[in-house]
């Protein structure tokens, strides 16, 4: 079970929001869904993203992952000191 973490930094620029999360092992964003797509990327450490029927481990060398609107997903840090970022624009699919 993923322990919820809040953004360390949040910036909105020209309609896009950037949330920067600092997480330790087991922390992240538990299973959720929303009506907009977003990118997620890992800047340090490693994470796992889970969506219906799929799991993917990613780190700083992985291309950002697009999480589509209206599909549940979960992001969990796999090691202490992980930094991951979500970028989105609410109201856009």
PDB file of N, CA and C in Angstrom:
ATOM      1  N   UNK A   1       0.847  -1.189   0.000  1.00  0.00           N
ATOM      2  CA  UNK A   1       0.000   0.000   0.000  1.00  0.00           C
ATOM      3  C   UNK A   1       0.887   1.246   0.000  1.00  0.00           C
ATOM      4  N   UNK A   2       0.670   2.108  -0.958  1.00  0.00           N
ATOM      5  CA  UNK A   2       1.466   3.314  -1.112  1.00  0.00           C
ATOM      6  C   UNK A   2       1.030   4.378  -0.106  1.00  0.00           C
ATOM      7  N   UNK A   3       1.994   4.979   0.575  1.00  0.00           N
ATOM      8  CA  UNK A   3       1.736   6.042   1.549  1.00  0.00           C
ATOM      9  C   UNK A   3       1.726   7.375   0.813  1.00  0.00           C
ATOM     10  N   UNK A   4       0.643   8.130   0.958  1.00  0.00           N
ATOM     11  CA  UNK A   4       0.459   9.396   0.248  1.00  0.00           C
ATOM     12  C   UNK A   4       1.524  10.418   0.632  1.00  0.00           C
ATOM     13  N   UNK A   5       2.094  11.076  -0.379  1.00  0.00           N
ATOM     14  CA  UNK A   5       3.062  12.144  -0.174  1.00  0.00           C
ATOM     15  C   UNK A   5       2.526  13.390  -0.887  1.00  0.00           C
ATOM     16  N   UNK A   6       2.777  14.551  -0.297  1.00  0.00           N
ATOM     17  CA  UNK A   6       2.339  15.809  -0.914  1.00  0.00           C
ATOM     18  C   UNK A   6       3.502  16.433  -1.677  1.00  0.00           C
ATOM     19  N   UNK A   7       3.188  17.289  -2.640  1.00  0.00           N
ATOM     20  CA  UNK A   7       4.272  17.913  -3.409  1.00  0.00           C
ATOM     21  C   UNK A   7       5.207  18.739  -2.530  1.00  0.00           C
ATOM     22  N   UNK A   8       6.493  18.629  -2.784  1.00  0.00           N
ATOM     23  CA  UNK A   8       7.494  19.473  -2.125  1.00  0.00           C
ATOM     24  C   UNK A   8       7.471  20.860  -2.760  1.00  0.00           C
ATOM     25  N   UNK A   9       7.275  20.892  -4.073  1.00  0.00           N
ATOM     26  CA  UNK A   9       7.175  22.146  -4.824  1.00  0.00           C
ATOM     27  C   UNK A   9       6.018  22.016  -5.801  1.00  0.00           C
ATOM     28  N   UNK A  10       5.309  23.134  -6.021  1.00  0.00           N
ATOM     29  CA  UNK A  10       4.237  23.168  -7.010  1.00  0.00           C
ATOM     30  C   UNK A  10       4.304  24.503  -7.726  1.00  0.00           C
ATOM     31  N   UNK A  11       4.353  24.443  -9.059  1.00  0.00           N
ATOM     32  CA  UNK A  11       4.446  25.650  -9.873  1.00  0.00           C
ATOM     33  C   UNK A  11       3.411  25.545 -10.991  1.00  0.00           C
ATOM     34  N   UNK A  12       2.684  26.623 -11.217  1.00  0.00           N
ATOM     35  CA  UNK A  12       1.781  26.689 -12.367  1.00  0.00           C
ATOM     36  C   UNK A  12       2.303  27.770 -13.290  1.00  0.00           C
ATOM     37  N   UNK A  13       2.449  27.405 -14.565  1.00  0.00           N
ATOM     38  CA  UNK A  13       2.981  28.331 -15.551  1.00  0.00           C
ATOM     39  C   UNK A  13       2.227  28.156 -16.859  1.00  0.00           C
ATOM     40  N   UNK A  14       1.632  29.226 -17.323  1.00  0.00           N
ATOM     41  CA  UNK A  14       0.945  29.244 -18.617  1.00  0.00           C
ATOM     42  C   UNK A  14      -0.042  28.079 -18.753  1.00  0.00           C
ATOM     43  N   UNK A  15      -0.773  27.792 -17.677  1.00  0.00           N
ATOM     44  CA  UNK A  15      -1.814  26.769 -17.708  1.00  0.00           C
ATOM     45  C   UNK A  15      -1.370  25.366 -17.344  1.00  0.00           C
ATOM     46  N   UNK A  16      -0.080  25.141 -17.215  1.00  0.00           N
ATOM     47  CA  UNK A  16       0.427  23.811 -16.847  1.00  0.00           C
ATOM     48  C   UNK A  16       0.903  23.835 -15.390  1.00  0.00           C
ATOM     49  N   UNK A  17       0.637  22.766 -14.688  1.00  0.00           N
ATOM     50  CA  UNK A  17       1.087  22.624 -13.299  1.00  0.00           C
ATOM     51  C   UNK A  17       2.199  21.583 -13.237  1.00  0.00           C
ATOM     52  N   UNK A  18       3.234  21.903 -12.466  1.00  0.00           N
ATOM     53  CA  UNK A  18       4.355  20.998 -12.232  1.00  0.00           C
ATOM     54  C   UNK A  18       4.388  20.700 -10.737  1.00  0.00           C
ATOM     55  N   UNK A  19       4.215  19.435 -10.377  1.00  0.00           N
ATOM     56  CA  UNK A  19       4.326  19.000  -8.985  1.00  0.00           C
ATOM     57  C   UNK A  19       5.603  18.193  -8.829  1.00  0.00           C
ATOM     58  N   UNK A  20       6.443  18.595  -7.885  1.00  0.00           N
ATOM     59  CA  UNK A  20       7.699  17.898  -7.594  1.00  0.00           C
ATOM     60  C   UNK A  20       7.537  17.191  -6.249  1.00  0.00           C
ATOM     61  N   UNK A  21       7.724  15.884  -6.258  1.00  0.00           N
ATOM     62  CA  UNK A  21       7.561  15.071  -5.053  1.00  0.00           C
ATOM     63  C   UNK A  21       8.906  14.538  -4.590  1.00  0.00           C
ATOM     64  N   UNK A  22       9.156  14.615  -3.289  1.00  0.00           N
ATOM     65  CA  UNK A  22      10.308  13.985  -2.652  1.00  0.00           C
ATOM     66  C   UNK A  22       9.731  12.844  -1.823  1.00  0.00           C
ATOM     67  N   UNK A  23      10.120  11.619  -2.125  1.00  0.00           N
ATOM     68  CA  UNK A  23       9.498  10.458  -1.487  1.00  0.00           C
ATOM     69  C   UNK A  23      10.540   9.442  -1.045  1.00  0.00           C
ATOM     70  N   UNK A  24      10.225   8.754   0.017  1.00  0.00           N
ATOM     71  CA  UNK A  24      11.024   7.624   0.465  1.00  0.00           C
ATOM     72  C   UNK A  24      10.341   6.333   0.044  1.00  0.00           C
ATOM     73  N   UNK A  25      11.034   5.240   0.170  1.00  0.00           N
ATOM     74  CA  UNK A  25      10.506   3.941  -0.248  1.00  0.00           C
ATOM     75  C   UNK A  25       9.102   3.726   0.313  1.00  0.00           C
ATOM     76  N   UNK A  26       8.170   3.349  -0.575  1.00  0.00           N
ATOM     77  CA  UNK A  26       6.791   3.076  -0.168  1.00  0.00           C
ATOM     78  C   UNK A  26       5.875   4.283  -0.211  1.00  0.00           C
ATOM     79  N   UNK A  27       6.447   5.476  -0.402  1.00  0.00           N
ATOM     80  CA  UNK A  27       5.637   6.693  -0.488  1.00  0.00           C
ATOM     81  C   UNK A  27       5.355   7.031  -1.953  1.00  0.00           C
ATOM     82  N   UNK A  28       4.332   7.813  -2.173  1.00  0.00           N
ATOM     83  CA  UNK A  28       4.003   8.243  -3.526  1.00  0.00           C
ATOM     84  C   UNK A  28       2.562   8.671  -3.629  1.00  0.00           C
ATOM     85  N   UNK A  29       1.915   8.303  -4.717  1.00  0.00           N
ATOM     86  CA  UNK A  29       0.527   8.657  -4.964  1.00  0.00           C
ATOM     87  C   UNK A  29      -0.280   7.372  -5.098  1.00  0.00           C
ATOM     88  N   UNK A  30      -1.088   7.037  -4.070  1.00  0.00           N
ATOM     89  CA  UNK A  30      -1.891   5.814  -4.126  1.00  0.00           C
ATOM     90  C   UNK A  30      -2.854   5.833  -5.319  1.00  0.00           C
ATOM     91  N   UNK A  31      -3.395   4.686  -5.624  1.00  0.00           N
ATOM     92  CA  UNK A  31      -4.324   4.495  -6.742  1.00  0.00           C
ATOM     93  C   UNK A  31      -5.357   5.627  -6.792  1.00  0.00           C
ATOM     94  N   UNK A  32      -5.430   6.290  -7.967  1.00  0.00           N
ATOM     95  CA  UNK A  32      -6.381   7.379  -8.163  1.00  0.00           C
ATOM     96  C   UNK A  32      -6.687   7.544  -9.648  1.00  0.00           C
ATOM     97  N   UNK A  33      -7.637   8.404  -9.942  1.00  0.00           N
ATOM     98  CA  UNK A  33      -8.055   8.661 -11.315  1.00  0.00           C
ATOM     99  C   UNK A  33      -8.436  10.133 -11.427  1.00  0.00           C
ATOM    100  N   UNK A  34      -8.227  10.734 -12.579  1.00  0.00           N
ATOM    101  CA  UNK A  34      -8.694  12.095 -12.824  1.00  0.00           C
ATOM    102  C   UNK A  34      -8.999  12.277 -14.298  1.00  0.00           C
ATOM    103  N   UNK A  35      -9.640  13.383 -14.620  1.00  0.00           N
ATOM    104  CA  UNK A  35     -10.145  13.572 -15.983  1.00  0.00           C
ATOM    105  C   UNK A  35      -9.188  14.323 -16.901  1.00  0.00           C
ATOM    106  N   UNK A  36      -7.915  14.310 -16.585  1.00  0.00           N
ATOM    107  CA  UNK A  36      -6.899  14.904 -17.453  1.00  0.00           C
ATOM    108  C   UNK A  36      -5.690  13.984 -17.512  1.00  0.00           C
ATOM    109  N   UNK A  37      -4.979  14.040 -18.621  1.00  0.00           N
ATOM    110  CA  UNK A  37      -3.738  13.271 -18.782  1.00  0.00           C
ATOM    111  C   UNK A  37      -2.602  14.001 -18.083  1.00  0.00           C
ATOM    112  N   UNK A  38      -1.533  13.280 -17.765  1.00  0.00           N
ATOM    113  CA  UNK A  38      -0.332  13.944 -17.251  1.00  0.00           C
ATOM    114  C   UNK A  38       0.900  13.110 -17.531  1.00  0.00           C
ATOM    115  N   UNK A  39       2.026  13.806 -17.544  1.00  0.00           N
ATOM    116  CA  UNK A  39       3.325  13.153 -17.665  1.00  0.00           C
ATOM    117  C   UNK A  39       3.875  12.919 -16.274  1.00  0.00           C
ATOM    118  N   UNK A  40       4.582  11.826 -16.100  1.00  0.00           N
ATOM    119  CA  UNK A  40       5.332  11.600 -14.876  1.00  0.00           C
ATOM    120  C   UNK A  40       6.754  11.217 -15.255  1.00  0.00           C
ATOM    121  N   UNK A  41       7.697  11.698 -14.475  1.00  0.00           N
ATOM    122  CA  UNK A  41       9.105  11.394 -14.719  1.00  0.00           C
ATOM    123  C   UNK A  41       9.833  11.334 -13.388  1.00  0.00           C
ATOM    124  N   UNK A  42      10.913  10.587 -13.353  1.00  0.00           N
ATOM    125  CA  UNK A  42      11.702  10.408 -12.146  1.00  0.00           C
ATOM    126  C   UNK A  42      13.046  11.116 -12.324  1.00  0.00           C
ATOM    127  N   UNK A  43      13.420  11.952 -11.363  1.00  0.00           N
ATOM    128  CA  UNK A  43      14.678  12.688 -11.459  1.00  0.00           C
ATOM    129  C   UNK A  43      15.800  12.056 -10.640  1.00  0.00           C
ATOM    130  N   UNK A  44      15.442  11.333  -9.586  1.00  0.00           N
ATOM    131  CA  UNK A  44      16.453  10.584  -8.826  1.00  0.00           C
ATOM    132  C   UNK A  44      15.765   9.429  -8.122  1.00  0.00           C
ATOM    133  N   UNK A  45      16.541   8.405  -7.810  1.00  0.00           N
ATOM    134  CA  UNK A  45      15.953   7.203  -7.234  1.00  0.00           C
ATOM    135  C   UNK A  45      15.230   6.417  -8.320  1.00  0.00           C
ATOM    136  N   UNK A  46      14.182   5.711  -7.921  1.00  0.00           N
ATOM    137  CA  UNK A  46      13.379   4.958  -8.883  1.00  0.00           C
ATOM    138  C   UNK A  46      11.956   4.836  -8.373  1.00  0.00           C
ATOM    139  N   UNK A  47      11.042   4.638  -9.317  1.00  0.00           N
ATOM    140  CA  UNK A  47       9.614   4.528  -9.016  1.00  0.00           C
ATOM    141  C   UNK A  47       9.025   3.372  -9.791  1.00  0.00           C
ATOM    142  N   UNK A  48       7.838   2.985  -9.363  1.00  0.00           N
ATOM    143  CA  UNK A  48       7.022   2.080 -10.151  1.00  0.00           C
ATOM    144  C   UNK A  48       5.695   2.773 -10.404  1.00  0.00           C
ATOM    145  N   UNK A  49       5.234   2.717 -11.633  1.00  0.00           N
ATOM    146  CA  UNK A  49       3.905   3.209 -11.959  1.00  0.00           C
ATOM    147  C   UNK A  49       3.058   1.978 -12.245  1.00  0.00           C
ATOM    148  N   UNK A  50       1.895   1.960 -11.632  1.00  0.00           N
ATOM    149  CA  UNK A  50       0.952   0.862 -11.848  1.00  0.00           C
ATOM    150  C   UNK A  50      -0.303   1.432 -12.476  1.00  0.00           C
ATOM    151  N   UNK A  51      -0.799   0.759 -13.503  1.00  0.00           N
ATOM    152  CA  UNK A  51      -2.096   1.064 -14.072  1.00  0.00           C
ATOM    153  C   UNK A  51      -2.772  -0.258 -14.362  1.00  0.00           C
ATOM    154  N   UNK A  52      -4.009  -0.217 -14.743  1.00  0.00           N
ATOM    155  CA  UNK A  52      -4.760  -1.453 -14.916  1.00  0.00           C
ATOM    156  C   UNK A  52      -4.025  -2.442 -15.815  1.00  0.00           C
ATOM    157  N   UNK A  53      -3.602  -3.550 -15.221  1.00  0.00           N
ATOM    158  CA  UNK A  53      -2.952  -4.620 -15.966  1.00  0.00           C
ATOM    159  C   UNK A  53      -1.487  -4.403 -16.307  1.00  0.00           C
ATOM    160  N   UNK A  54      -0.889  -3.276 -15.859  1.00  0.00           N
ATOM    161  CA  UNK A  54       0.503  -2.992 -16.225  1.00  0.00           C
ATOM    162  C   UNK A  54       1.262  -2.400 -15.044  1.00  0.00           C
ATOM    163  N   UNK A  55       2.568  -2.674 -15.025  1.00  0.00           N
ATOM    164  CA  UNK A  55       3.494  -2.044 -14.084  1.00  0.00           C
ATOM    165  C   UNK A  55       4.762  -1.691 -14.845  1.00  0.00           C
ATOM    166  N   UNK A  56       5.362  -0.554 -14.493  1.00  0.00           N
ATOM    167  CA  UNK A  56       6.618  -0.170 -15.136  1.00  0.00           C
ATOM    168  C   UNK A  56       7.513   0.508 -14.110  1.00  0.00           C
ATOM    169  N   UNK A  57       8.744   0.045 -14.020  1.00  0.00           N
ATOM    170  CA  UNK A  57       9.735   0.693 -13.165  1.00  0.00           C
ATOM    171  C   UNK A  57      10.447   1.737 -14.007  1.00  0.00           C
ATOM    172  N   UNK A  58      10.634   2.936 -13.432  1.00  0.00           N
ATOM    173  CA  UNK A  58      11.314   3.987 -14.162  1.00  0.00           C
ATOM    174  C   UNK A  58      12.250   4.765 -13.251  1.00  0.00           C
ATOM    175  N   UNK A  59      13.255   5.394 -13.884  1.00  0.00           N
ATOM    176  CA  UNK A  59      14.243   6.190 -13.158  1.00  0.00           C
ATOM    177  C   UNK A  59      14.638   7.382 -14.022  1.00  0.00           C
ATOM    178  N   UNK A  60      15.736   8.052 -13.668  1.00  0.00           N
ATOM    179  CA  UNK A  60      16.148   9.271 -14.373  1.00  0.00           C
ATOM    180  C   UNK A  60      16.498   9.027 -15.834  1.00  0.00           C
ATOM    181  N   UNK A  61      16.754   7.808 -16.224  1.00  0.00           N
ATOM    182  CA  UNK A  61      17.107   7.488 -17.607  1.00  0.00           C
ATOM    183  C   UNK A  61      15.905   7.112 -18.468  1.00  0.00           C
ATOM    184  N   UNK A  62      14.736   7.066 -17.859  1.00  0.00           N
ATOM    185  CA  UNK A  62      13.516   6.670 -18.554  1.00  0.00           C
ATOM    186  C   UNK A  62      12.816   7.898 -19.129  1.00  0.00           C
ATOM    187  N   UNK A  63      12.368   7.778 -20.363  1.00  0.00           N
ATOM    188  CA  UNK A  63      11.590   8.854 -20.983  1.00  0.00           C
ATOM    189  C   UNK A  63      10.324   9.079 -20.151  1.00  0.00           C
ATOM    190  N   UNK A  64       9.851  10.342 -20.022  1.00  0.00           N
ATOM    191  CA  UNK A  64       8.612  10.582 -19.277  1.00  0.00           C
ATOM    192  C   UNK A  64       7.476   9.685 -19.768  1.00  0.00           C
ATOM    193  N   UNK A  65       6.629   9.292 -18.832  1.00  0.00           N
ATOM    194  CA  UNK A  65       5.522   8.387 -19.103  1.00  0.00           C
ATOM    195  C   UNK A  65       4.228   9.183 -19.147  1.00  0.00           C
ATOM    196  N   UNK A  66       3.426   8.986 -20.195  1.00  0.00           N
ATOM    197  CA  UNK A  66       2.126   9.636 -20.303  1.00  0.00           C
ATOM    198  C   UNK A  66       1.072   8.762 -19.634  1.00  0.00           C
ATOM    199  N   UNK A  67       0.377   9.334 -18.679  1.00  0.00           N
ATOM    200  CA  UNK A  67      -0.737   8.650 -18.016  1.00  0.00           C
ATOM    201  C   UNK A  67      -2.018   9.292 -18.527  1.00  0.00           C
ATOM    202  N   UNK A  68      -2.827   8.520 -19.222  1.00  0.00           N
ATOM    203  CA  UNK A  68      -4.000   9.063 -19.900  1.00  0.00           C
ATOM    204  C   UNK A  68      -5.134   9.372 -18.935  1.00  0.00           C
ATOM    205  N   UNK A  69      -6.006  10.266 -19.354  1.00  0.00           N
ATOM    206  CA  UNK A  69      -7.161  10.671 -18.555  1.00  0.00           C
ATOM    207  C   UNK A  69      -8.101   9.491 -18.316  1.00  0.00           C
ATOM    208  N   UNK A  70      -8.772   9.529 -17.185  1.00  0.00           N
ATOM    209  CA  UNK A  70      -9.823   8.574 -16.830  1.00  0.00           C
ATOM    210  C   UNK A  70      -9.346   7.120 -16.758  1.00  0.00           C
ATOM    211  N   UNK A  71      -8.076   6.917 -16.429  1.00  0.00           N
ATOM    212  CA  UNK A  71      -7.526   5.579 -16.220  1.00  0.00           C
ATOM    213  C   UNK A  71      -6.804   5.581 -14.873  1.00  0.00           C
ATOM    214  N   UNK A  72      -7.162   4.672 -13.979  1.00  0.00           N
ATOM    215  CA  UNK A  72      -6.531   4.680 -12.663  1.00  0.00           C
ATOM    216  C   UNK A  72      -5.035   4.390 -12.791  1.00  0.00           C
ATOM    217  N   UNK A  73      -4.292   4.975 -11.864  1.00  0.00           N
ATOM    218  CA  UNK A  73      -2.853   4.760 -11.823  1.00  0.00           C
ATOM    219  C   UNK A  73      -2.348   5.024 -10.413  1.00  0.00           C
ATOM    220  N   UNK A  74      -1.116   4.590 -10.168  1.00  0.00           N
ATOM    221  CA  UNK A  74      -0.478   4.734  -8.864  1.00  0.00           C
ATOM    222  C   UNK A  74       1.016   4.887  -9.108  1.00  0.00           C
ATOM    223  N   UNK A  75       1.665   5.754  -8.326  1.00  0.00           N
ATOM    224  CA  UNK A  75       3.110   5.950  -8.445  1.00  0.00           C
ATOM    225  C   UNK A  75       3.727   5.737  -7.065  1.00  0.00           C
ATOM    226  N   UNK A  76       4.725   4.859  -6.989  1.00  0.00           N
ATOM    227  CA  UNK A  76       5.346   4.541  -5.701  1.00  0.00           C
ATOM    228  C   UNK A  76       6.863   4.589  -5.815  1.00  0.00           C
ATOM    229  N   UNK A  77       7.507   5.254  -4.857  1.00  0.00           N
ATOM    230  CA  UNK A  77       8.971   5.293  -4.795  1.00  0.00           C
ATOM    231  C   UNK A  77       9.490   3.928  -4.361  1.00  0.00           C
ATOM    232  N   UNK A  78      10.556   3.484  -5.019  1.00  0.00           N
ATOM    233  CA  UNK A  78      11.157   2.191  -4.694  1.00  0.00           C
ATOM    234  C   UNK A  78      12.392   2.317  -3.818  1.00  0.00           C
ATOM    235  N   UNK A  79      12.837   3.552  -3.579  1.00  0.00           N
ATOM    236  CA  UNK A  79      13.996   3.763  -2.713  1.00  0.00           C
ATOM    237  C   UNK A  79      13.900   5.122  -2.040  1.00  0.00           C
ATOM    238  N   UNK A  80      14.561   5.264  -0.902  1.00  0.00           N
ATOM    239  CA  UNK A  80      14.599   6.543  -0.192  1.00  0.00           C
ATOM    240  C   UNK A  80      15.271   7.604  -1.058  1.00  0.00           C
ATOM    241  N   UNK A  81      14.831   8.843  -0.915  1.00  0.00           N
ATOM    242  CA  UNK A  81      15.437   9.949  -1.638  1.00  0.00           C
ATOM    243  C   UNK A  81      14.986  10.065  -3.088  1.00  0.00           C
ATOM    244  N   UNK A  82      13.885   9.429  -3.431  1.00  0.00           N
ATOM    245  CA  UNK A  82      13.370   9.498  -4.801  1.00  0.00           C
ATOM    246  C   UNK A  82      12.695  10.848  -5.047  1.00  0.00           C
ATOM    247  N   UNK A  83      12.939  11.405  -6.224  1.00  0.00           N
ATOM    248  CA  UNK A  83      12.278  12.638  -6.651  1.00  0.00           C
ATOM    249  C   UNK A  83      11.577  12.341  -7.971  1.00  0.00           C
ATOM    250  N   UNK A  84      10.248  12.540  -7.990  1.00  0.00           N
ATOM    251  CA  UNK A  84       9.502  12.383  -9.234  1.00  0.00           C
ATOM    252  C   UNK A  84       8.640  13.613  -9.467  1.00  0.00           C
ATOM    253  N   UNK A  85       8.284  13.826 -10.730  1.00  0.00           N
ATOM    254  CA  UNK A  85       7.600  15.048 -11.146  1.00  0.00           C
ATOM    255  C   UNK A  85       6.397  14.680 -12.003  1.00  0.00           C
ATOM    256  N   UNK A  86       5.277  15.349 -11.742  1.00  0.00           N
ATOM    257  CA  UNK A  86       4.088  15.228 -12.586  1.00  0.00           C
ATOM    258  C   UNK A  86       3.813  16.578 -13.232  1.00  0.00           C
ATOM    259  N   UNK A  87       3.481  16.564 -14.526  1.00  0.00           N
ATOM    260  CA  UNK A  87       3.164  17.782 -15.282  1.00  0.00           C
ATOM    261  C   UNK A  87       1.791  17.574 -15.920  1.00  0.00           C
ATOM    262  N   UNK A  88       0.899  18.549 -15.716  1.00  0.00           N
ATOM    263  CA  UNK A  88      -0.457  18.407 -16.256  1.00  0.00           C
ATOM    264  C   UNK A  88      -1.124  19.766 -16.436  1.00  0.00           C
ATOM    265  N   UNK A  89      -2.196  19.772 -17.210  1.00  0.00           N
ATOM    266  CA  UNK A  89      -3.040  20.947 -17.389  1.00  0.00           C
ATOM    267  C   UNK A  89      -4.474  20.481 -17.193  1.00  0.00           C
ATOM    268  N   UNK A  90      -5.068  20.813 -16.034  1.00  0.00           N
ATOM    269  CA  UNK A  90      -6.435  20.385 -15.760  1.00  0.00           C
ATOM    270  C   UNK A  90      -7.366  20.948 -16.829  1.00  0.00           C
ATOM    271  N   UNK A  91      -8.397  20.171 -17.145  1.00  0.00           N
ATOM    272  CA  UNK A  91      -9.342  20.612 -18.142  1.00  0.00           C
ATOM    273  C   UNK A  91      -8.960  20.227 -19.555  1.00  0.00           C
ATOM    274  N   UNK A  92      -7.779  19.636 -19.706  1.00  0.00           N
ATOM    275  CA  UNK A  92      -7.352  19.152 -21.017  1.00  0.00           C
ATOM    276  C   UNK A  92      -7.200  17.646 -20.941  1.00  0.00           C
ATOM    277  N   UNK A  93      -7.779  16.913 -21.883  1.00  0.00           N
ATOM    278  CA  UNK A  93      -7.728  15.449 -21.884  1.00  0.00           C
ATOM    279  C   UNK A  93      -6.395  14.981 -22.244  1.00  0.00           C
TER     280      UNK A  93
END
